[in-house]
Amino acid sequence: MTFAFYLAAMLFDILVLVPNWRSGSMEEIQLFNNFFHKTEPFDFYKVIMPISTALSVICFIFFFNRGNPIFILLLISLLIDIGIDAVTWYYFVPINEYLFFEKGGQLNPERVSEYVHSWITADYLRVGLIMIGFYTSIAAVHFSYRTR
């Protein structure tokens, strides 16, 4: 069910946080940076990502011999979970570090605009993956009750 937390967080991100810096202007990025001075949104993901992946692995191992539909659904869920982690760490984190943690350096306005637009597009794709993961995990729970 951690996909539900992922989905809620991503929808909050898209609907509440991203509109504050969607234009990619330097002023909006600086205002956003100033707002998050003690904590930042990635603090949530640092906690939920390992928990989600660990639960996906545990469920996959536990239900490994329960039948084909559960196995396939949990495999899809596990692969999506690992994929989301990889995309987050290797795509989103470097962009976030540039956009939101370059405190002393000068941000390049063209690079900021490019990063913002690619970040937003990729975020919609990440939400799509999370929705698929959420659906497959719910379907796996459904099939787990049918096999008892």
C-alpha atoms as a PDB file:
ATOM      1  CA  MET A   1       0.000   0.000   0.000  1.00  0.00           C
ATOM      2  CA  THR A   2       3.003   2.251  -0.066  1.00  0.00           C
ATOM      3  CA  PHE A   3       2.054   3.037  -3.654  1.00  0.00           C
ATOM      4  CA  ALA A   4      -0.915   4.884  -2.134  1.00  0.00           C
ATOM      5  CA  PHE A   5       1.510   7.073  -0.158  1.00  0.00           C
ATOM      6  CA  TYR A   6       3.626   7.568  -3.279  1.00  0.00           C
ATOM      7  CA  LEU A   7       0.559   8.535  -5.284  1.00  0.00           C
ATOM      8  CA  ALA A   8      -0.716  10.942  -2.629  1.00  0.00           C
ATOM      9  CA  ALA A   9       2.704  12.572  -2.348  1.00  0.00           C
ATOM     10  CA  MET A  10       3.096  12.872  -6.102  1.00  0.00           C
ATOM     11  CA  LEU A  11      -0.357  14.380  -6.532  1.00  0.00           C
ATOM     12  CA  PHE A  12       0.423  16.856  -3.739  1.00  0.00           C
ATOM     13  CA  ASP A  13       3.675  17.637  -5.490  1.00  0.00           C
ATOM     14  CA  ILE A  14       2.040  18.188  -8.889  1.00  0.00           C
ATOM     15  CA  LEU A  15      -0.993  20.092  -7.613  1.00  0.00           C
ATOM     16  CA  VAL A  16       0.531  22.151  -4.784  1.00  0.00           C
ATOM     17  CA  LEU A  17       4.321  22.421  -5.011  1.00  0.00           C
ATOM     18  CA  VAL A  18       5.105  22.416  -8.730  1.00  0.00           C
ATOM     19  CA  PRO A  19       2.785  25.348  -9.587  1.00  0.00           C
ATOM     20  CA  ASN A  20       5.049  27.490  -7.400  1.00  0.00           C
ATOM     21  CA  TRP A  21       8.002  27.046  -9.776  1.00  0.00           C
ATOM     22  CA  ARG A  22       6.421  25.695 -12.976  1.00  0.00           C
ATOM     23  CA  SER A  23       7.375  28.718 -15.087  1.00  0.00           C
ATOM     24  CA  GLY A  24      11.051  28.010 -14.506  1.00  0.00           C
ATOM     25  CA  SER A  25      11.783  31.631 -13.727  1.00  0.00           C
ATOM     26  CA  MET A  26      14.743  32.359 -11.490  1.00  0.00           C
ATOM     27  CA  GLU A  27      12.526  34.314  -9.090  1.00  0.00           C
ATOM     28  CA  GLU A  28      10.147  31.398  -8.551  1.00  0.00           C
ATOM     29  CA  ILE A  29      13.021  28.949  -8.029  1.00  0.00           C
ATOM     30  CA  GLN A  30      14.595  31.289  -5.459  1.00  0.00           C
ATOM     31  CA  LEU A  31      11.268  31.778  -3.638  1.00  0.00           C
ATOM     32  CA  PHE A  32      10.751  28.020  -3.546  1.00  0.00           C
ATOM     33  CA  ASN A  33      14.290  27.521  -2.227  1.00  0.00           C
ATOM     34  CA  ASN A  34      13.725  30.124   0.478  1.00  0.00           C
ATOM     35  CA  PHE A  35      10.514  28.448   1.600  1.00  0.00           C
ATOM     36  CA  PHE A  36      12.198  25.062   2.195  1.00  0.00           C
ATOM     37  CA  HIS A  37      15.035  26.061   4.497  1.00  0.00           C
ATOM     38  CA  LYS A  38      14.730  23.421   7.265  1.00  0.00           C
ATOM     39  CA  THR A  39      13.328  20.457   5.401  1.00  0.00           C
ATOM     40  CA  GLU A  40      12.423  19.642   1.841  1.00  0.00           C
ATOM     41  CA  PRO A  41      10.024  17.332  -0.012  1.00  0.00           C
ATOM     42  CA  PHE A  42      12.656  14.674  -0.697  1.00  0.00           C
ATOM     43  CA  ASP A  43      12.843  13.973   3.054  1.00  0.00           C
ATOM     44  CA  PHE A  44       9.545  12.096   2.638  1.00  0.00           C
ATOM     45  CA  TYR A  45      10.886  10.018  -0.250  1.00  0.00           C
ATOM     46  CA  LYS A  46      14.068   9.120   1.643  1.00  0.00           C
ATOM     47  CA  VAL A  47      11.816   7.303   4.115  1.00  0.00           C
ATOM     48  CA  ILE A  48       9.109   5.884   1.853  1.00  0.00           C
ATOM     49  CA  MET A  49      11.339   4.585  -0.954  1.00  0.00           C
ATOM     50  CA  PRO A  50      13.249   1.924   1.040  1.00  0.00           C
ATOM     51  CA  ILE A  51      10.092   0.911   2.909  1.00  0.00           C
ATOM     52  CA  SER A  52       8.162   0.535  -0.342  1.00  0.00           C
ATOM     53  CA  THR A  53      10.893  -1.487  -2.043  1.00  0.00           C
ATOM     54  CA  ALA A  54      11.381  -3.687   1.024  1.00  0.00           C
ATOM     55  CA  LEU A  55       7.646  -4.391   1.246  1.00  0.00           C
ATOM     56  CA  SER A  56       7.523  -5.191  -2.471  1.00  0.00           C
ATOM     57  CA  VAL A  57      10.383  -7.676  -2.067  1.00  0.00           C
ATOM     58  CA  ILE A  58       8.813  -9.259   1.030  1.00  0.00           C
ATOM     59  CA  CYS A  59       5.425  -9.640  -0.686  1.00  0.00           C
ATOM     60  CA  PHE A  60       7.070 -11.049  -3.804  1.00  0.00           C
ATOM     61  CA  ILE A  61       8.969 -13.658  -1.762  1.00  0.00           C
ATOM     62  CA  PHE A  62       5.988 -14.506   0.444  1.00  0.00           C
ATOM     63  CA  PHE A  63       3.555 -14.967  -2.453  1.00  0.00           C
ATOM     64  CA  PHE A  64       6.077 -16.496  -4.872  1.00  0.00           C
ATOM     65  CA  ASN A  65       4.347 -19.890  -4.912  1.00  0.00           C
ATOM     66  CA  ARG A  66       0.726 -18.676  -4.727  1.00  0.00           C
ATOM     67  CA  GLY A  67      -0.065 -18.781  -8.400  1.00  0.00           C
ATOM     68  CA  ASN A  68       0.500 -17.141 -11.717  1.00  0.00           C
ATOM     69  CA  PRO A  69      -1.731 -14.013 -11.434  1.00  0.00           C
ATOM     70  CA  ILE A  70      -0.304 -13.010  -8.051  1.00  0.00           C
ATOM     71  CA  PHE A  71       3.255 -13.759  -9.152  1.00  0.00           C
ATOM     72  CA  ILE A  72       2.938 -11.642 -12.294  1.00  0.00           C
ATOM     73  CA  LEU A  73       1.228  -8.757 -10.498  1.00  0.00           C
ATOM     74  CA  LEU A  74       3.792  -8.709  -7.694  1.00  0.00           C
ATOM     75  CA  LEU A  75       6.627  -8.958 -10.205  1.00  0.00           C
ATOM     76  CA  ILE A  76       5.231  -5.950 -12.074  1.00  0.00           C
ATOM     77  CA  SER A  77       4.780  -4.086  -8.799  1.00  0.00           C
ATOM     78  CA  LEU A  78       8.340  -4.895  -7.690  1.00  0.00           C
ATOM     79  CA  LEU A  79       9.851  -3.861 -11.033  1.00  0.00           C
ATOM     80  CA  ILE A  80       7.885  -0.617 -11.007  1.00  0.00           C
ATOM     81  CA  ASP A  81       8.992   0.072  -7.434  1.00  0.00           C
ATOM     82  CA  ILE A  82      12.646  -0.496  -8.321  1.00  0.00           C
ATOM     83  CA  GLY A  83      12.200   1.560 -11.493  1.00  0.00           C
ATOM     84  CA  ILE A  84      10.688   4.473  -9.577  1.00  0.00           C
ATOM     85  CA  ASP A  85      13.577   4.367  -7.110  1.00  0.00           C
ATOM     86  CA  ALA A  86      16.148   4.313  -9.911  1.00  0.00           C
ATOM     87  CA  VAL A  87      14.496   7.143 -11.844  1.00  0.00           C
ATOM     88  CA  THR A  88      14.160   9.200  -8.670  1.00  0.00           C
ATOM     89  CA  TRP A  89      17.790   8.745  -7.619  1.00  0.00           C
ATOM     90  CA  TYR A  90      19.430   9.025 -11.036  1.00  0.00           C
ATOM     91  CA  TYR A  91      17.161  11.530 -12.783  1.00  0.00           C
ATOM     92  CA  PHE A  92      15.211  13.641 -10.299  1.00  0.00           C
ATOM     93  CA  VAL A  93      17.776  13.963  -7.493  1.00  0.00           C
ATOM     94  CA  PRO A  94      20.510  15.494  -9.708  1.00  0.00           C
ATOM     95  CA  ILE A  95      18.024  17.985 -11.164  1.00  0.00           C
ATOM     96  CA  ASN A  96      16.690  18.807  -7.691  1.00  0.00           C
ATOM     97  CA  GLU A  97      20.201  19.325  -6.396  1.00  0.00           C
ATOM     98  CA  TYR A  98      20.867  21.824  -9.139  1.00  0.00           C
ATOM     99  CA  LEU A  99      17.537  23.647  -8.949  1.00  0.00           C
ATOM    100  CA  PHE A 100      16.948  23.678  -5.225  1.00  0.00           C
ATOM    101  CA  PHE A 101      20.286  23.225  -3.475  1.00  0.00           C
ATOM    102  CA  GLU A 102      22.686  25.405  -5.463  1.00  0.00           C
ATOM    103  CA  LYS A 103      22.691  27.966  -2.691  1.00  0.00           C
ATOM    104  CA  GLY A 104      25.958  29.745  -3.346  1.00  0.00           C
ATOM    105  CA  GLY A 105      26.307  29.204  -7.066  1.00  0.00           C
ATOM    106  CA  GLN A 106      24.760  31.065  -9.918  1.00  0.00           C
ATOM    107  CA  LEU A 107      21.951  29.273 -11.669  1.00  0.00           C
ATOM    108  CA  ASN A 108      21.903  29.411 -15.446  1.00  0.00           C
ATOM    109  CA  PRO A 109      18.402  30.641 -16.482  1.00  0.00           C
ATOM    110  CA  GLU A 110      18.355  28.580 -19.686  1.00  0.00           C
ATOM    111  CA  ARG A 111      19.445  25.443 -17.858  1.00  0.00           C
ATOM    112  CA  VAL A 112      16.865  26.092 -15.134  1.00  0.00           C
ATOM    113  CA  SER A 113      14.084  26.414 -17.701  1.00  0.00           C
ATOM    114  CA  GLU A 114      15.191  23.231 -19.483  1.00  0.00           C
ATOM    115  CA  TYR A 115      15.423  21.290 -16.199  1.00  0.00           C
ATOM    116  CA  VAL A 116      12.041  22.520 -14.978  1.00  0.00           C
ATOM    117  CA  HIS A 117      10.222  21.503 -18.146  1.00  0.00           C
ATOM    118  CA  SER A 118      11.888  18.081 -18.355  1.00  0.00           C
ATOM    119  CA  TRP A 119      11.306  17.534 -14.607  1.00  0.00           C
ATOM    120  CA  ILE A 120       7.584  18.266 -14.939  1.00  0.00           C
ATOM    121  CA  THR A 121       7.195  15.980 -17.974  1.00  0.00           C
ATOM    122  CA  ALA A 122       9.083  13.157 -16.273  1.00  0.00           C
ATOM    123  CA  ASP A 123       7.043  13.666 -13.105  1.00  0.00           C
ATOM    124  CA  TYR A 124       3.825  12.936 -15.015  1.00  0.00           C
ATOM    125  CA  LEU A 125       5.417   9.728 -16.305  1.00  0.00           C
ATOM    126  CA  ARG A 126       6.449   8.843 -12.745  1.00  0.00           C
ATOM    127  CA  VAL A 127       2.860   9.370 -11.565  1.00  0.00           C
ATOM    128  CA  GLY A 128       1.697   7.049 -14.346  1.00  0.00           C
ATOM    129  CA  LEU A 129       4.111   4.367 -13.167  1.00  0.00           C
ATOM    130  CA  ILE A 130       2.956   4.837  -9.592  1.00  0.00           C
ATOM    131  CA  MET A 131      -0.672   4.441 -10.688  1.00  0.00           C
ATOM    132  CA  ILE A 132       0.190   1.204 -12.489  1.00  0.00           C
ATOM    133  CA  GLY A 133       2.067   0.009  -9.390  1.00  0.00           C
ATOM    134  CA  PHE A 134      -0.883   0.941  -7.200  1.00  0.00           C
ATOM    135  CA  TYR A 135      -3.290  -0.946  -9.466  1.00  0.00           C
ATOM    136  CA  THR A 136      -1.091  -4.063  -9.635  1.00  0.00           C
ATOM    137  CA  SER A 137      -0.613  -4.141  -5.876  1.00  0.00           C
ATOM    138  CA  ILE A 138      -4.380  -3.814  -5.303  1.00  0.00           C
ATOM    139  CA  ALA A 139      -5.029  -6.554  -7.883  1.00  0.00           C
ATOM    140  CA  ALA A 140      -2.451  -8.795  -6.170  1.00  0.00           C
ATOM    141  CA  VAL A 141      -4.234  -8.294  -2.844  1.00  0.00           C
ATOM    142  CA  HIS A 142      -7.502  -9.194  -4.557  1.00  0.00           C
ATOM    143  CA  PHE A 143      -6.052 -12.410  -5.994  1.00  0.00           C
ATOM    144  CA  SER A 144      -4.433 -13.297  -2.664  1.00  0.00           C
ATOM    145  CA  TYR A 145      -7.859 -13.478  -1.034  1.00  0.00           C
ATOM    146  CA  ARG A 146      -9.258 -15.577  -3.874  1.00  0.00           C
ATOM    147  CA  THR A 147      -6.534 -18.226  -3.491  1.00  0.00           C
ATOM    148  CA  ARG A 148      -7.105 -18.837   0.226  1.00  0.00           C
END
